[in-house]
Amino acid sequence: MTARTMTVRLARAQRRAERRDTLLGLLARLDTLTAAEQALLLEYTNAELASSDELRRAVQGQQRALQAVIDQTRAAEATIVEVEQERDAARQELAAARTYDRALSSVTGWPTRFTFDVTGSYCATCRAWIPGPPGQPHACPTPDSIA
C-alpha cells in the first residue's frame, strides 16, 4: 500500500468519524419526537452504524487476504522466472560441454561414451556391491576379517 493511498484512507476515516459524531449529536437533540420515537431512531441508527462497521471490517479482511494472495502469486512468478533462467543456463552449459566433447573426440579419437560392465549384485547384509555374475555365493566380511 502506498503512502498516498494510506493518506487518502486516513482522511476518509476522519471524515466518517466527524459525520458519525454530528449524527449522534443531532439524534441526541431531537426534541420534537416522542421519547419512544427518539429511542427507536437512536436504536436503528446505532444498528446501522454497527452494521456498517462490521461490513467495513469484513471488507478490510478480504482486502488483506487478497493482498496476501497477490503477494504469493508474485513470489511464485519470481521463482518461476528464476528457475527458467537456471534452466537456460544449464542448457547453455550442456551445449558447451557437448561441443567440447565432440571436439575432443574428433581430435584425439577418444570415445565420448564409455560402457561399463555393471554385472553383479547387491548384498543387503554387508551393504556391498559384489561384482561378477548375479547369484554367486558370497561370504560377508566379519569385523575380525576387516582388521
C-alpha atoms as a PDB file:
ATOM      1  CA  MET A   1       0.000   0.000   0.000  1.00  0.00           C
ATOM      2  CA  THR A   2       1.435   3.348  -0.989  1.00  0.00           C
ATOM      3  CA  ALA A   3       1.710   6.346   1.306  1.00  0.00           C
ATOM      4  CA  ARG A   4      -0.755   8.253  -0.880  1.00  0.00           C
ATOM      5  CA  THR A   5      -3.361   5.509  -0.575  1.00  0.00           C
ATOM      6  CA  MET A   6      -2.874   5.370   3.188  1.00  0.00           C
ATOM      7  CA  THR A   7      -3.239   9.168   3.447  1.00  0.00           C
ATOM      8  CA  VAL A   8      -6.482   9.059   1.454  1.00  0.00           C
ATOM      9  CA  ARG A   9      -7.834   6.251   3.639  1.00  0.00           C
ATOM     10  CA  LEU A  10      -6.960   8.067   6.854  1.00  0.00           C
ATOM     11  CA  ALA A  11      -8.625  11.276   5.619  1.00  0.00           C
ATOM     12  CA  ARG A  12     -11.736   9.324   4.623  1.00  0.00           C
ATOM     13  CA  ALA A  13     -11.871   7.654   8.046  1.00  0.00           C
ATOM     14  CA  GLN A  14     -11.534  11.041   9.767  1.00  0.00           C
ATOM     15  CA  ARG A  15     -14.432  12.495   7.737  1.00  0.00           C
ATOM     16  CA  ARG A  16     -16.536   9.416   8.527  1.00  0.00           C
ATOM     17  CA  ALA A  17     -15.868   9.812  12.268  1.00  0.00           C
ATOM     18  CA  GLU A  18     -16.838  13.507  12.121  1.00  0.00           C
ATOM     19  CA  ARG A  19     -20.107  12.672  10.342  1.00  0.00           C
ATOM     20  CA  ARG A  20     -20.869  10.000  12.924  1.00  0.00           C
ATOM     21  CA  ASP A  21     -20.285  12.409  15.818  1.00  0.00           C
ATOM     22  CA  THR A  22     -22.523  15.018  14.183  1.00  0.00           C
ATOM     23  CA  LEU A  23     -25.262  12.471  13.550  1.00  0.00           C
ATOM     24  CA  LEU A  24     -25.159  11.250  17.134  1.00  0.00           C
ATOM     25  CA  GLY A  25     -25.260  14.848  18.393  1.00  0.00           C
ATOM     26  CA  LEU A  26     -28.301  15.616  16.260  1.00  0.00           C
ATOM     27  CA  LEU A  27     -30.047  12.478  17.362  1.00  0.00           C
ATOM     28  CA  ALA A  28     -29.470  13.392  20.993  1.00  0.00           C
ATOM     29  CA  ARG A  29     -31.169  16.802  20.488  1.00  0.00           C
ATOM     30  CA  LEU A  30     -34.335  15.594  18.781  1.00  0.00           C
ATOM     31  CA  ASP A  31     -36.926  17.342  20.939  1.00  0.00           C
ATOM     32  CA  THR A  32     -39.800  17.139  18.540  1.00  0.00           C
ATOM     33  CA  LEU A  33     -40.047  13.371  18.665  1.00  0.00           C
ATOM     34  CA  THR A  34     -41.612  11.436  21.480  1.00  0.00           C
ATOM     35  CA  ALA A  35     -39.335   9.554  23.798  1.00  0.00           C
ATOM     36  CA  ALA A  36     -40.310   6.216  22.223  1.00  0.00           C
ATOM     37  CA  GLU A  37     -39.646   7.548  18.711  1.00  0.00           C
ATOM     38  CA  GLN A  38     -36.304   9.019  19.751  1.00  0.00           C
ATOM     39  CA  ALA A  39     -35.289   5.718  21.317  1.00  0.00           C
ATOM     40  CA  LEU A  40     -36.367   3.826  18.207  1.00  0.00           C
ATOM     41  CA  LEU A  41     -34.491   6.213  15.890  1.00  0.00           C
ATOM     42  CA  LEU A  42     -31.409   6.007  18.068  1.00  0.00           C
ATOM     43  CA  GLU A  43     -31.632   2.185  18.125  1.00  0.00           C
ATOM     44  CA  TYR A  44     -31.968   1.991  14.344  1.00  0.00           C
ATOM     45  CA  THR A  45     -29.119   4.419  13.782  1.00  0.00           C
ATOM     46  CA  ASN A  46     -26.842   2.544  16.166  1.00  0.00           C
ATOM     47  CA  ALA A  47     -27.743  -0.736  14.455  1.00  0.00           C
ATOM     48  CA  GLU A  48     -26.927   0.749  11.041  1.00  0.00           C
ATOM     49  CA  LEU A  49     -23.632   2.138  12.309  1.00  0.00           C
ATOM     50  CA  ALA A  50     -22.708  -1.228  13.851  1.00  0.00           C
ATOM     51  CA  SER A  51     -23.630  -2.989  10.620  1.00  0.00           C
ATOM     52  CA  SER A  52     -21.509  -0.519   8.661  1.00  0.00           C
ATOM     53  CA  ASP A  53     -18.546  -1.071  10.992  1.00  0.00           C
ATOM     54  CA  GLU A  54     -18.895  -4.835  10.688  1.00  0.00           C
ATOM     55  CA  LEU A  55     -19.071  -4.630   6.903  1.00  0.00           C
ATOM     56  CA  ARG A  56     -16.024  -2.355   6.809  1.00  0.00           C
ATOM     57  CA  ARG A  57     -14.040  -4.802   8.944  1.00  0.00           C
ATOM     58  CA  ALA A  58     -15.073  -7.672   6.669  1.00  0.00           C
ATOM     59  CA  VAL A  59     -14.011  -5.730   3.593  1.00  0.00           C
ATOM     60  CA  GLN A  60     -10.667  -4.905   5.181  1.00  0.00           C
ATOM     61  CA  GLY A  61     -10.141  -8.598   5.993  1.00  0.00           C
ATOM     62  CA  GLN A  62     -10.951  -9.523   2.401  1.00  0.00           C
ATOM     63  CA  GLN A  63      -8.543  -6.874   1.134  1.00  0.00           C
ATOM     64  CA  ARG A  64      -5.798  -8.259   3.395  1.00  0.00           C
ATOM     65  CA  ALA A  65      -6.469 -11.807   2.184  1.00  0.00           C
ATOM     66  CA  LEU A  66      -6.455 -10.646  -1.437  1.00  0.00           C
ATOM     67  CA  GLN A  67      -3.181  -8.810  -0.907  1.00  0.00           C
ATOM     68  CA  ALA A  68      -1.659 -11.959   0.622  1.00  0.00           C
ATOM     69  CA  VAL A  69      -2.712 -13.973  -2.439  1.00  0.00           C
ATOM     70  CA  ILE A  70      -1.294 -11.302  -4.743  1.00  0.00           C
ATOM     71  CA  ASP A  71       1.999 -11.366  -2.816  1.00  0.00           C
ATOM     72  CA  GLN A  72       2.140 -15.176  -3.030  1.00  0.00           C
ATOM     73  CA  THR A  73       1.428 -15.053  -6.760  1.00  0.00           C
ATOM     74  CA  ARG A  74       4.173 -12.502  -7.325  1.00  0.00           C
ATOM     75  CA  ALA A  75       6.623 -14.615  -5.316  1.00  0.00           C
ATOM     76  CA  ALA A  76       5.677 -17.719  -7.312  1.00  0.00           C
ATOM     77  CA  GLU A  77       6.092 -15.852 -10.597  1.00  0.00           C
ATOM     78  CA  ALA A  78       9.511 -14.594  -9.494  1.00  0.00           C
ATOM     79  CA  THR A  79      10.510 -18.151  -8.573  1.00  0.00           C
ATOM     80  CA  ILE A  80       9.356 -19.405 -11.973  1.00  0.00           C
ATOM     81  CA  VAL A  81      11.435 -16.755 -13.716  1.00  0.00           C
ATOM     82  CA  GLU A  82      14.465 -17.686 -11.599  1.00  0.00           C
ATOM     83  CA  VAL A  83      14.071 -21.401 -12.329  1.00  0.00           C
ATOM     84  CA  GLU A  84      13.653 -20.703 -16.055  1.00  0.00           C
ATOM     85  CA  GLN A  85      16.872 -18.663 -16.010  1.00  0.00           C
ATOM     86  CA  GLU A  86      18.686 -21.510 -14.238  1.00  0.00           C
ATOM     87  CA  ARG A  87      17.287 -23.963 -16.796  1.00  0.00           C
ATOM     88  CA  ASP A  88      18.510 -21.797 -19.687  1.00  0.00           C
ATOM     89  CA  ALA A  89      21.961 -21.511 -18.090  1.00  0.00           C
ATOM     90  CA  ALA A  90      22.096 -25.291 -17.618  1.00  0.00           C
ATOM     91  CA  ARG A  91      21.133 -25.801 -21.271  1.00  0.00           C
ATOM     92  CA  GLN A  92      23.927 -23.477 -22.347  1.00  0.00           C
ATOM     93  CA  GLU A  93      26.437 -25.330 -20.163  1.00  0.00           C
ATOM     94  CA  LEU A  94      25.266 -28.656 -21.568  1.00  0.00           C
ATOM     95  CA  ALA A  95      25.569 -27.396 -25.142  1.00  0.00           C
ATOM     96  CA  ALA A  96      29.093 -26.140 -24.422  1.00  0.00           C
ATOM     97  CA  ALA A  97      30.053 -29.486 -22.847  1.00  0.00           C
ATOM     98  CA  ARG A  98      28.696 -31.387 -25.839  1.00  0.00           C
ATOM     99  CA  THR A  99      30.617 -29.128 -28.216  1.00  0.00           C
ATOM    100  CA  TYR A 100      33.796 -29.683 -26.205  1.00  0.00           C
ATOM    101  CA  ASP A 101      33.129 -33.436 -26.103  1.00  0.00           C
ATOM    102  CA  ARG A 102      32.704 -33.592 -29.898  1.00  0.00           C
ATOM    103  CA  ALA A 103      35.825 -31.527 -30.460  1.00  0.00           C
ATOM    104  CA  LEU A 104      37.850 -33.697 -28.084  1.00  0.00           C
ATOM    105  CA  SER A 105      36.718 -36.934 -29.690  1.00  0.00           C
ATOM    106  CA  SER A 106      37.415 -35.658 -33.227  1.00  0.00           C
ATOM    107  CA  VAL A 107      40.968 -34.580 -32.309  1.00  0.00           C
ATOM    108  CA  THR A 108      42.056 -37.466 -30.099  1.00  0.00           C
ATOM    109  CA  GLY A 109      39.868 -40.259 -31.346  1.00  0.00           C
ATOM    110  CA  TRP A 110      38.946 -40.813 -27.720  1.00  0.00           C
ATOM    111  CA  PRO A 111      35.480 -42.323 -27.300  1.00  0.00           C
ATOM    112  CA  THR A 112      32.970 -39.906 -25.824  1.00  0.00           C
ATOM    113  CA  ARG A 113      30.758 -42.554 -24.328  1.00  0.00           C
ATOM    114  CA  PHE A 114      32.105 -45.281 -22.112  1.00  0.00           C
ATOM    115  CA  THR A 115      30.457 -48.559 -21.410  1.00  0.00           C
ATOM    116  CA  PHE A 116      30.958 -50.183 -18.071  1.00  0.00           C
ATOM    117  CA  ASP A 117      30.348 -53.744 -17.062  1.00  0.00           C
ATOM    118  CA  VAL A 118      27.953 -53.428 -14.179  1.00  0.00           C
ATOM    119  CA  THR A 119      27.061 -57.047 -13.711  1.00  0.00           C
ATOM    120  CA  GLY A 120      26.888 -58.086 -10.124  1.00  0.00           C
ATOM    121  CA  SER A 121      24.554 -57.959  -7.185  1.00  0.00           C
ATOM    122  CA  TYR A 122      23.998 -56.005  -4.011  1.00  0.00           C
ATOM    123  CA  CYS A 123      24.400 -57.730  -0.659  1.00  0.00           C
ATOM    124  CA  ALA A 124      21.947 -56.162   1.785  1.00  0.00           C
ATOM    125  CA  THR A 125      23.656 -57.800   4.756  1.00  0.00           C
ATOM    126  CA  CYS A 126      27.068 -56.183   4.321  1.00  0.00           C
ATOM    127  CA  ARG A 127      25.770 -53.381   2.087  1.00  0.00           C
ATOM    128  CA  ALA A 128      28.312 -54.012  -0.614  1.00  0.00           C
ATOM    129  CA  TRP A 129      28.250 -54.377  -4.392  1.00  0.00           C
ATOM    130  CA  ILE A 130      29.523 -57.822  -5.317  1.00  0.00           C
ATOM    131  CA  PRO A 131      30.984 -57.840  -8.833  1.00  0.00           C
ATOM    132  CA  GLY A 132      30.509 -60.826 -11.070  1.00  0.00           C
ATOM    133  CA  PRO A 133      27.509 -62.742 -12.292  1.00  0.00           C
ATOM    134  CA  PRO A 134      24.443 -62.336 -10.084  1.00  0.00           C
ATOM    135  CA  GLY A 135      23.548 -65.209  -7.800  1.00  0.00           C
ATOM    136  CA  GLN A 136      27.119 -66.268  -6.989  1.00  0.00           C
ATOM    137  CA  PRO A 137      27.775 -67.257  -3.369  1.00  0.00           C
ATOM    138  CA  HIS A 138      29.185 -64.517  -1.195  1.00  0.00           C
ATOM    139  CA  ALA A 139      30.626 -64.532   2.293  1.00  0.00           C
ATOM    140  CA  CYS A 140      30.038 -61.279   4.116  1.00  0.00           C
ATOM    141  CA  PRO A 141      33.160 -59.956   5.817  1.00  0.00           C
ATOM    142  CA  THR A 142      33.227 -60.096   9.592  1.00  0.00           C
ATOM    143  CA  PRO A 143      34.648 -57.321  11.776  1.00  0.00           C
ATOM    144  CA  ASP A 144      37.657 -59.601  12.532  1.00  0.00           C
ATOM    145  CA  SER A 145      38.446 -60.145   8.846  1.00  0.00           C
ATOM    146  CA  ILE A 146      38.385 -56.402   8.082  1.00  0.00           C
ATOM    147  CA  ALA A 147      41.095 -55.505  10.614  1.00  0.00           C
END
